[in-house]
Amino acid sequence: MESKLFSYKVEGVVLEPVNDNLKISPIFDRKEVLEKVKEILKEDNFTLDERTIEYNIEAGQLYLQGLAIKHPESKSIGFRINN
């Protein structure tokens, strides 16, 4: 099974300071972000392995990172019975 890593920059989700000790991001829909990533990966016949997803913050910006898997195409076998 083929695999590849991905890192997705979640636009608009940046930590903003509340005070000297706390920074908070704006509200975002986690499922909506995952659907965007799934659609992008689907173009190359890859699927998102949701068990591997990590939420990482780099310089205040949110990134989704994880593993995408390419499933082999299903092969169907037909049986024919002649009477």
PDB file of N, CA and C in Angstrom:
ATOM      1  N   MET A   1       0.847  -1.178   0.000  1.00  0.00           N
ATOM      2  CA  MET A   1       0.000   0.000   0.000  1.00  0.00           C
ATOM      3  C   MET A   1       0.895   1.243   0.000  1.00  0.00           C
ATOM      4  N   GLU A   2       0.644   2.154  -0.932  1.00  0.00           N
ATOM      5  CA  GLU A   2       1.436   3.374  -1.022  1.00  0.00           C
ATOM      6  C   GLU A   2       0.965   4.396   0.012  1.00  0.00           C
ATOM      7  N   SER A   3       1.903   5.159   0.556  1.00  0.00           N
ATOM      8  CA  SER A   3       1.588   6.173   1.562  1.00  0.00           C
ATOM      9  C   SER A   3       2.382   7.440   1.276  1.00  0.00           C
ATOM     10  N   LYS A   4       1.877   8.550   1.782  1.00  0.00           N
ATOM     11  CA  LYS A   4       2.638   9.793   1.753  1.00  0.00           C
ATOM     12  C   LYS A   4       2.213  10.657   2.922  1.00  0.00           C
ATOM     13  N   LEU A   5       3.123  11.523   3.340  1.00  0.00           N
ATOM     14  CA  LEU A   5       2.846  12.454   4.425  1.00  0.00           C
ATOM     15  C   LEU A   5       2.232  13.723   3.841  1.00  0.00           C
ATOM     16  N   PHE A   6       1.432  14.411   4.650  1.00  0.00           N
ATOM     17  CA  PHE A   6       0.904  15.695   4.218  1.00  0.00           C
ATOM     18  C   PHE A   6       0.997  16.695   5.353  1.00  0.00           C
ATOM     19  N   SER A   7       1.055  17.956   4.994  1.00  0.00           N
ATOM     20  CA  SER A   7       0.994  19.060   5.933  1.00  0.00           C
ATOM     21  C   SER A   7       0.090  20.104   5.303  1.00  0.00           C
ATOM     22  N   TYR A   8      -0.998  20.442   5.966  1.00  0.00           N
ATOM     23  CA  TYR A   8      -1.994  21.361   5.420  1.00  0.00           C
ATOM     24  C   TYR A   8      -2.071  22.608   6.291  1.00  0.00           C
ATOM     25  N   LYS A   9      -1.816  23.753   5.688  1.00  0.00           N
ATOM     26  CA  LYS A   9      -1.896  25.030   6.394  1.00  0.00           C
ATOM     27  C   LYS A   9      -3.367  25.443   6.470  1.00  0.00           C
ATOM     28  N   VAL A  10      -3.876  25.583   7.681  1.00  0.00           N
ATOM     29  CA  VAL A  10      -5.283  25.958   7.878  1.00  0.00           C
ATOM     30  C   VAL A  10      -5.362  27.487   7.847  1.00  0.00           C
ATOM     31  N   GLU A  11      -5.767  28.018   6.700  1.00  0.00           N
ATOM     32  CA  GLU A  11      -5.823  29.467   6.499  1.00  0.00           C
ATOM     33  C   GLU A  11      -6.728  30.137   7.538  1.00  0.00           C
ATOM     34  N   GLY A  12      -6.266  31.233   8.065  1.00  0.00           N
ATOM     35  CA  GLY A  12      -7.076  32.026   8.991  1.00  0.00           C
ATOM     36  C   GLY A  12      -7.077  31.556  10.434  1.00  0.00           C
ATOM     37  N   VAL A  13      -6.392  30.447  10.713  1.00  0.00           N
ATOM     38  CA  VAL A  13      -6.340  29.950  12.089  1.00  0.00           C
ATOM     39  C   VAL A  13      -4.944  30.236  12.635  1.00  0.00           C
ATOM     40  N   VAL A  14      -4.829  31.434  13.225  1.00  0.00           N
ATOM     41  CA  VAL A  14      -3.565  31.920  13.768  1.00  0.00           C
ATOM     42  C   VAL A  14      -3.806  32.336  15.218  1.00  0.00           C
ATOM     43  N   LEU A  15      -2.878  32.002  16.079  1.00  0.00           N
ATOM     44  CA  LEU A  15      -3.009  32.372  17.487  1.00  0.00           C
ATOM     45  C   LEU A  15      -2.872  33.887  17.654  1.00  0.00           C
ATOM     46  N   GLU A  16      -3.797  34.456  18.410  1.00  0.00           N
ATOM     47  CA  GLU A  16      -3.783  35.887  18.710  1.00  0.00           C
ATOM     48  C   GLU A  16      -3.630  36.061  20.217  1.00  0.00           C
ATOM     49  N   PRO A  17      -2.805  37.008  20.672  1.00  0.00           N
ATOM     50  CA  PRO A  17      -2.598  37.184  22.112  1.00  0.00           C
ATOM     51  C   PRO A  17      -3.835  37.751  22.806  1.00  0.00           C
ATOM     52  N   VAL A  18      -4.146  37.150  23.947  1.00  0.00           N
ATOM     53  CA  VAL A  18      -5.205  37.653  24.819  1.00  0.00           C
ATOM     54  C   VAL A  18      -4.558  38.485  25.930  1.00  0.00           C
ATOM     55  N   ASN A  19      -3.473  37.939  26.463  1.00  0.00           N
ATOM     56  CA  ASN A  19      -2.650  38.662  27.443  1.00  0.00           C
ATOM     57  C   ASN A  19      -1.224  38.112  27.334  1.00  0.00           C
ATOM     58  N   ASP A  20      -0.370  38.459  28.271  1.00  0.00           N
ATOM     59  CA  ASP A  20       1.024  38.022  28.202  1.00  0.00           C
ATOM     60  C   ASP A  20       1.188  36.507  28.274  1.00  0.00           C
ATOM     61  N   ASN A  21       0.216  35.810  28.867  1.00  0.00           N
ATOM     62  CA  ASN A  21       0.346  34.376  29.099  1.00  0.00           C
ATOM     63  C   ASN A  21      -0.520  33.513  28.195  1.00  0.00           C
ATOM     64  N   LEU A  22      -1.407  34.117  27.417  1.00  0.00           N
ATOM     65  CA  LEU A  22      -2.373  33.316  26.669  1.00  0.00           C
ATOM     66  C   LEU A  22      -2.554  33.830  25.247  1.00  0.00           C
ATOM     67  N   LYS A  23      -2.563  32.878  24.309  1.00  0.00           N
ATOM     68  CA  LYS A  23      -2.905  33.154  22.914  1.00  0.00           C
ATOM     69  C   LYS A  23      -4.022  32.192  22.529  1.00  0.00           C
ATOM     70  N   ILE A  24      -4.977  32.682  21.738  1.00  0.00           N
ATOM     71  CA  ILE A  24      -6.133  31.868  21.347  1.00  0.00           C
ATOM     72  C   ILE A  24      -6.350  32.013  19.845  1.00  0.00           C
ATOM     73  N   SER A  25      -6.799  30.921  19.224  1.00  0.00           N
ATOM     74  CA  SER A  25      -7.126  30.962  17.800  1.00  0.00           C
ATOM     75  C   SER A  25      -8.592  31.338  17.626  1.00  0.00           C
ATOM     76  N   PRO A  26      -8.955  31.787  16.429  1.00  0.00           N
ATOM     77  CA  PRO A  26     -10.374  31.982  16.151  1.00  0.00           C
ATOM     78  C   PRO A  26     -11.064  30.611  16.070  1.00  0.00           C
ATOM     79  N   ILE A  27     -12.366  30.602  16.148  1.00  0.00           N
ATOM     80  CA  ILE A  27     -13.148  29.366  16.062  1.00  0.00           C
ATOM     81  C   ILE A  27     -13.044  28.816  14.644  1.00  0.00           C
ATOM     82  N   PHE A  28     -12.877  27.498  14.530  1.00  0.00           N
ATOM     83  CA  PHE A  28     -12.869  26.846  13.219  1.00  0.00           C
ATOM     84  C   PHE A  28     -13.563  25.496  13.344  1.00  0.00           C
ATOM     85  N   ASP A  29     -14.075  25.007  12.221  1.00  0.00           N
ATOM     86  CA  ASP A  29     -14.778  23.726  12.172  1.00  0.00           C
ATOM     87  C   ASP A  29     -13.781  22.644  11.757  1.00  0.00           C
ATOM     88  N   ARG A  30     -13.408  21.828  12.693  1.00  0.00           N
ATOM     89  CA  ARG A  30     -12.413  20.772  12.465  1.00  0.00           C
ATOM     90  C   ARG A  30     -12.857  19.833  11.340  1.00  0.00           C
ATOM     91  N   LYS A  31     -14.135  19.459  11.325  1.00  0.00           N
ATOM     92  CA  LYS A  31     -14.630  18.537  10.303  1.00  0.00           C
ATOM     93  C   LYS A  31     -14.579  19.165   8.917  1.00  0.00           C
ATOM     94  N   GLU A  32     -14.847  20.456   8.836  1.00  0.00           N
ATOM     95  CA  GLU A  32     -14.784  21.158   7.552  1.00  0.00           C
ATOM     96  C   GLU A  32     -13.355  21.169   7.011  1.00  0.00           C
ATOM     97  N   VAL A  33     -12.404  21.389   7.888  1.00  0.00           N
ATOM     98  CA  VAL A  33     -10.994  21.388   7.483  1.00  0.00           C
ATOM     99  C   VAL A  33     -10.594  19.990   7.004  1.00  0.00           C
ATOM    100  N   LEU A  34     -11.014  18.956   7.723  1.00  0.00           N
ATOM    101  CA  LEU A  34     -10.688  17.585   7.324  1.00  0.00           C
ATOM    102  C   LEU A  34     -11.295  17.260   5.958  1.00  0.00           C
ATOM    103  N   GLU A  35     -12.508  17.743   5.694  1.00  0.00           N
ATOM    104  CA  GLU A  35     -13.147  17.498   4.396  1.00  0.00           C
ATOM    105  C   GLU A  35     -12.352  18.155   3.270  1.00  0.00           C
ATOM    106  N   LYS A  36     -11.826  19.346   3.505  1.00  0.00           N
ATOM    107  CA  LYS A  36     -11.001  20.019   2.490  1.00  0.00           C
ATOM    108  C   LYS A  36      -9.764  19.190   2.174  1.00  0.00           C
ATOM    109  N   VAL A  37      -9.116  18.684   3.212  1.00  0.00           N
ATOM    110  CA  VAL A  37      -7.914  17.865   3.014  1.00  0.00           C
ATOM    111  C   VAL A  37      -8.280  16.585   2.264  1.00  0.00           C
ATOM    112  N   LYS A  38      -9.382  15.956   2.639  1.00  0.00           N
ATOM    113  CA  LYS A  38      -9.819  14.728   1.966  1.00  0.00           C
ATOM    114  C   LYS A  38     -10.062  14.962   0.479  1.00  0.00           C
ATOM    115  N   GLU A  39     -10.683  16.090   0.138  1.00  0.00           N
ATOM    116  CA  GLU A  39     -10.958  16.405  -1.260  1.00  0.00           C
ATOM    117  C   GLU A  39      -9.667  16.591  -2.052  1.00  0.00           C
ATOM    118  N   ILE A  40      -8.698  17.263  -1.460  1.00  0.00           N
ATOM    119  CA  ILE A  40      -7.414  17.482  -2.135  1.00  0.00           C
ATOM    120  C   ILE A  40      -6.703  16.146  -2.366  1.00  0.00           C
ATOM    121  N   LEU A  41      -6.677  15.291  -1.352  1.00  0.00           N
ATOM    122  CA  LEU A  41      -6.001  14.002  -1.459  1.00  0.00           C
ATOM    123  C   LEU A  41      -6.724  13.055  -2.406  1.00  0.00           C
ATOM    124  N   LYS A  42      -8.031  13.184  -2.475  1.00  0.00           N
ATOM    125  CA  LYS A  42      -8.863  12.316  -3.325  1.00  0.00           C
ATOM    126  C   LYS A  42      -8.481  12.449  -4.797  1.00  0.00           C
ATOM    127  N   GLU A  43      -8.004  13.629  -5.195  1.00  0.00           N
ATOM    128  CA  GLU A  43      -7.613  13.867  -6.589  1.00  0.00           C
ATOM    129  C   GLU A  43      -6.503  12.919  -7.040  1.00  0.00           C
ATOM    130  N   ASP A  44      -5.662  12.475  -6.103  1.00  0.00           N
ATOM    131  CA  ASP A  44      -4.577  11.536  -6.414  1.00  0.00           C
ATOM    132  C   ASP A  44      -4.899  10.119  -5.954  1.00  0.00           C
ATOM    133  N   ASN A  45      -6.174   9.844  -5.680  1.00  0.00           N
ATOM    134  CA  ASN A  45      -6.639   8.529  -5.206  1.00  0.00           C
ATOM    135  C   ASN A  45      -6.051   8.142  -3.850  1.00  0.00           C
ATOM    136  N   PHE A  46      -5.817   9.144  -3.008  1.00  0.00           N
ATOM    137  CA  PHE A  46      -5.351   8.889  -1.648  1.00  0.00           C
ATOM    138  C   PHE A  46      -6.470   9.208  -0.669  1.00  0.00           C
ATOM    139  N   THR A  47      -6.447   8.530   0.459  1.00  0.00           N
ATOM    140  CA  THR A  47      -7.411   8.811   1.518  1.00  0.00           C
ATOM    141  C   THR A  47      -6.656   9.189   2.785  1.00  0.00           C
ATOM    142  N   LEU A  48      -7.302   9.989   3.580  1.00  0.00           N
ATOM    143  CA  LEU A  48      -6.735  10.486   4.824  1.00  0.00           C
ATOM    144  C   LEU A  48      -6.843   9.405   5.894  1.00  0.00           C
ATOM    145  N   ASP A  49      -5.733   9.102   6.549  1.00  0.00           N
ATOM    146  CA  ASP A  49      -5.754   8.181   7.681  1.00  0.00           C
ATOM    147  C   ASP A  49      -5.970   9.030   8.934  1.00  0.00           C
ATOM    148  N   GLU A  50      -7.226   9.125   9.369  1.00  0.00           N
ATOM    149  CA  GLU A  50      -7.581  10.028  10.466  1.00  0.00           C
ATOM    150  C   GLU A  50      -6.915   9.661  11.787  1.00  0.00           C
ATOM    151  N   ARG A  51      -6.447   8.445  11.922  1.00  0.00           N
ATOM    152  CA  ARG A  51      -5.762   8.038  13.161  1.00  0.00           C
ATOM    153  C   ARG A  51      -4.405   8.710  13.307  1.00  0.00           C
ATOM    154  N   THR A  52      -3.854   9.225  12.203  1.00  0.00           N
ATOM    155  CA  THR A  52      -2.505   9.802  12.231  1.00  0.00           C
ATOM    156  C   THR A  52      -2.500  11.326  12.311  1.00  0.00           C
ATOM    157  N   ILE A  53      -3.656  11.953  12.308  1.00  0.00           N
ATOM    158  CA  ILE A  53      -3.726  13.415  12.246  1.00  0.00           C
ATOM    159  C   ILE A  53      -3.161  14.048  13.513  1.00  0.00           C
ATOM    160  N   GLU A  54      -2.310  15.051  13.288  1.00  0.00           N
ATOM    161  CA  GLU A  54      -1.760  15.851  14.384  1.00  0.00           C
ATOM    162  C   GLU A  54      -2.035  17.312  14.086  1.00  0.00           C
ATOM    163  N   TYR A  55      -2.349  18.053  15.119  1.00  0.00           N
ATOM    164  CA  TYR A  55      -2.547  19.498  15.004  1.00  0.00           C
ATOM    165  C   TYR A  55      -1.276  20.149  15.517  1.00  0.00           C
ATOM    166  N   ASN A  56      -0.562  20.841  14.632  1.00  0.00           N
ATOM    167  CA  ASN A  56       0.696  21.478  15.001  1.00  0.00           C
ATOM    168  C   ASN A  56       0.614  22.976  14.770  1.00  0.00           C
ATOM    169  N   ILE A  57       1.298  23.711  15.623  1.00  0.00           N
ATOM    170  CA  ILE A  57       1.341  25.170  15.489  1.00  0.00           C
ATOM    171  C   ILE A  57       2.775  25.565  15.220  1.00  0.00           C
ATOM    172  N   GLU A  58       2.964  26.262  14.095  1.00  0.00           N
ATOM    173  CA  GLU A  58       4.284  26.758  13.721  1.00  0.00           C
ATOM    174  C   GLU A  58       4.170  28.269  13.552  1.00  0.00           C
ATOM    175  N   ALA A  59       4.910  29.008  14.361  1.00  0.00           N
ATOM    176  CA  ALA A  59       4.888  30.477  14.334  1.00  0.00           C
ATOM    177  C   ALA A  59       3.465  31.008  14.472  1.00  0.00           C
ATOM    178  N   GLY A  60       2.674  30.356  15.312  1.00  0.00           N
ATOM    179  CA  GLY A  60       1.305  30.796  15.575  1.00  0.00           C
ATOM    180  C   GLY A  60       0.274  30.307  14.580  1.00  0.00           C
ATOM    181  N   GLN A  61       0.704  29.679  13.473  1.00  0.00           N
ATOM    182  CA  GLN A  61      -0.195  29.201  12.417  1.00  0.00           C
ATOM    183  C   GLN A  61      -0.511  27.718  12.639  1.00  0.00           C
ATOM    184  N   LEU A  62      -1.793  27.344  12.469  1.00  0.00           N
ATOM    185  CA  LEU A  62      -2.205  25.946  12.628  1.00  0.00           C
ATOM    186  C   LEU A  62      -1.941  25.161  11.352  1.00  0.00           C
ATOM    187  N   TYR A  63      -1.359  23.974  11.518  1.00  0.00           N
ATOM    188  CA  TYR A  63      -1.139  23.029  10.421  1.00  0.00           C
ATOM    189  C   TYR A  63      -1.709  21.677  10.830  1.00  0.00           C
ATOM    190  N   LEU A  64      -2.348  21.003   9.890  1.00  0.00           N
ATOM    191  CA  LEU A  64      -2.770  19.618  10.065  1.00  0.00           C
ATOM    192  C   LEU A  64      -1.734  18.765   9.370  1.00  0.00           C
ATOM    193  N   GLN A  65      -1.265  17.739  10.059  1.00  0.00           N
ATOM    194  CA  GLN A  65      -0.260  16.872   9.461  1.00  0.00           C
ATOM    195  C   GLN A  65      -0.631  15.432   9.728  1.00  0.00           C
ATOM    196  N   GLY A  66      -0.269  14.572   8.796  1.00  0.00           N
ATOM    197  CA  GLY A  66      -0.590  13.169   8.970  1.00  0.00           C
ATOM    198  C   GLY A  66      -0.182  12.334   7.783  1.00  0.00           C
ATOM    199  N   LEU A  67      -0.857  11.212   7.636  1.00  0.00           N
ATOM    200  CA  LEU A  67      -0.533  10.217   6.636  1.00  0.00           C
ATOM    201  C   LEU A  67      -1.713  10.034   5.691  1.00  0.00           C
ATOM    202  N   ALA A  68      -1.412   9.939   4.403  1.00  0.00           N
ATOM    203  CA  ALA A  68      -2.416   9.633   3.389  1.00  0.00           C
ATOM    204  C   ALA A  68      -2.053   8.289   2.771  1.00  0.00           C
ATOM    205  N   ILE A  69      -3.071   7.484   2.497  1.00  0.00           N
ATOM    206  CA  ILE A  69      -2.861   6.127   2.001  1.00  0.00           C
ATOM    207  C   ILE A  69      -3.568   5.950   0.670  1.00  0.00           C
ATOM    208  N   LYS A  70      -2.877   5.305  -0.252  1.00  0.00           N
ATOM    209  CA  LYS A  70      -3.480   4.978  -1.541  1.00  0.00           C
ATOM    210  C   LYS A  70      -3.916   3.526  -1.490  1.00  0.00           C
ATOM    211  N   HIS A  71      -5.182   3.313  -1.683  1.00  0.00           N
ATOM    212  CA  HIS A  71      -5.713   1.954  -1.663  1.00  0.00           C
ATOM    213  C   HIS A  71      -5.626   1.360  -3.061  1.00  0.00           C
ATOM    214  N   PRO A  72      -5.198   0.126  -3.157  1.00  0.00           N
ATOM    215  CA  PRO A  72      -5.148  -0.498  -4.480  1.00  0.00           C
ATOM    216  C   PRO A  72      -6.558  -0.618  -5.045  1.00  0.00           C
ATOM    217  N   GLU A  73      -6.647  -0.496  -6.360  1.00  0.00           N
ATOM    218  CA  GLU A  73      -7.959  -0.617  -6.989  1.00  0.00           C
ATOM    219  C   GLU A  73      -8.504  -2.012  -6.772  1.00  0.00           C
ATOM    220  N   SER A  74      -9.795  -2.075  -6.521  1.00  0.00           N
ATOM    221  CA  SER A  74     -10.447  -3.360  -6.316  1.00  0.00           C
ATOM    222  C   SER A  74     -10.502  -4.116  -7.626  1.00  0.00           C
ATOM    223  N   LYS A  75     -10.235  -5.376  -7.543  1.00  0.00           N
ATOM    224  CA  LYS A  75     -10.346  -6.237  -8.714  1.00  0.00           C
ATOM    225  C   LYS A  75     -11.517  -7.166  -8.476  1.00  0.00           C
ATOM    226  N   SER A  76     -12.435  -7.167  -9.408  1.00  0.00           N
ATOM    227  CA  SER A  76     -13.586  -8.033  -9.244  1.00  0.00           C
ATOM    228  C   SER A  76     -13.402  -9.272 -10.111  1.00  0.00           C
ATOM    229  N   ILE A  77     -13.854 -10.343  -9.584  1.00  0.00           N
ATOM    230  CA  ILE A  77     -13.784 -11.607 -10.292  1.00  0.00           C
ATOM    231  C   ILE A  77     -15.214 -12.061 -10.530  1.00  0.00           C
ATOM    232  N   GLY A  78     -15.514 -12.323 -11.763  1.00  0.00           N
ATOM    233  CA  GLY A  78     -16.865 -12.765 -12.095  1.00  0.00           C
ATOM    234  C   GLY A  78     -16.889 -14.265 -12.335  1.00  0.00           C
ATOM    235  N   PHE A  79     -17.982 -14.850 -11.948  1.00  0.00           N
ATOM    236  CA  PHE A  79     -18.177 -16.283 -12.181  1.00  0.00           C
ATOM    237  C   PHE A  79     -19.375 -16.441 -13.097  1.00  0.00           C
ATOM    238  N   ARG A  80     -19.224 -17.355 -14.051  1.00  0.00           N
ATOM    239  CA  ARG A  80     -20.335 -17.613 -14.939  1.00  0.00           C
ATOM    240  C   ARG A  80     -20.630 -19.106 -14.887  1.00  0.00           C
ATOM    241  N   ILE A  81     -21.890 -19.409 -14.726  1.00  0.00           N
ATOM    242  CA  ILE A  81     -22.313 -20.804 -14.664  1.00  0.00           C
ATOM    243  C   ILE A  81     -23.168 -21.086 -15.890  1.00  0.00           C
ATOM    244  N   ASN A  82     -22.770 -22.084 -16.644  1.00  0.00           N
ATOM    245  CA  ASN A  82     -23.540 -22.497 -17.820  1.00  0.00           C
ATOM    246  C   ASN A  82     -24.333 -23.732 -17.464  1.00  0.00           C
ATOM    247  N   ASN A  83     -25.601 -23.713 -17.735  1.00  0.00           N
ATOM    248  CA  ASN A  83     -26.448 -24.887 -17.456  1.00  0.00           C
ATOM    249  C   ASN A  83     -26.672 -25.673 -18.701  1.00  0.00           C
TER     250      ASN A  83
END
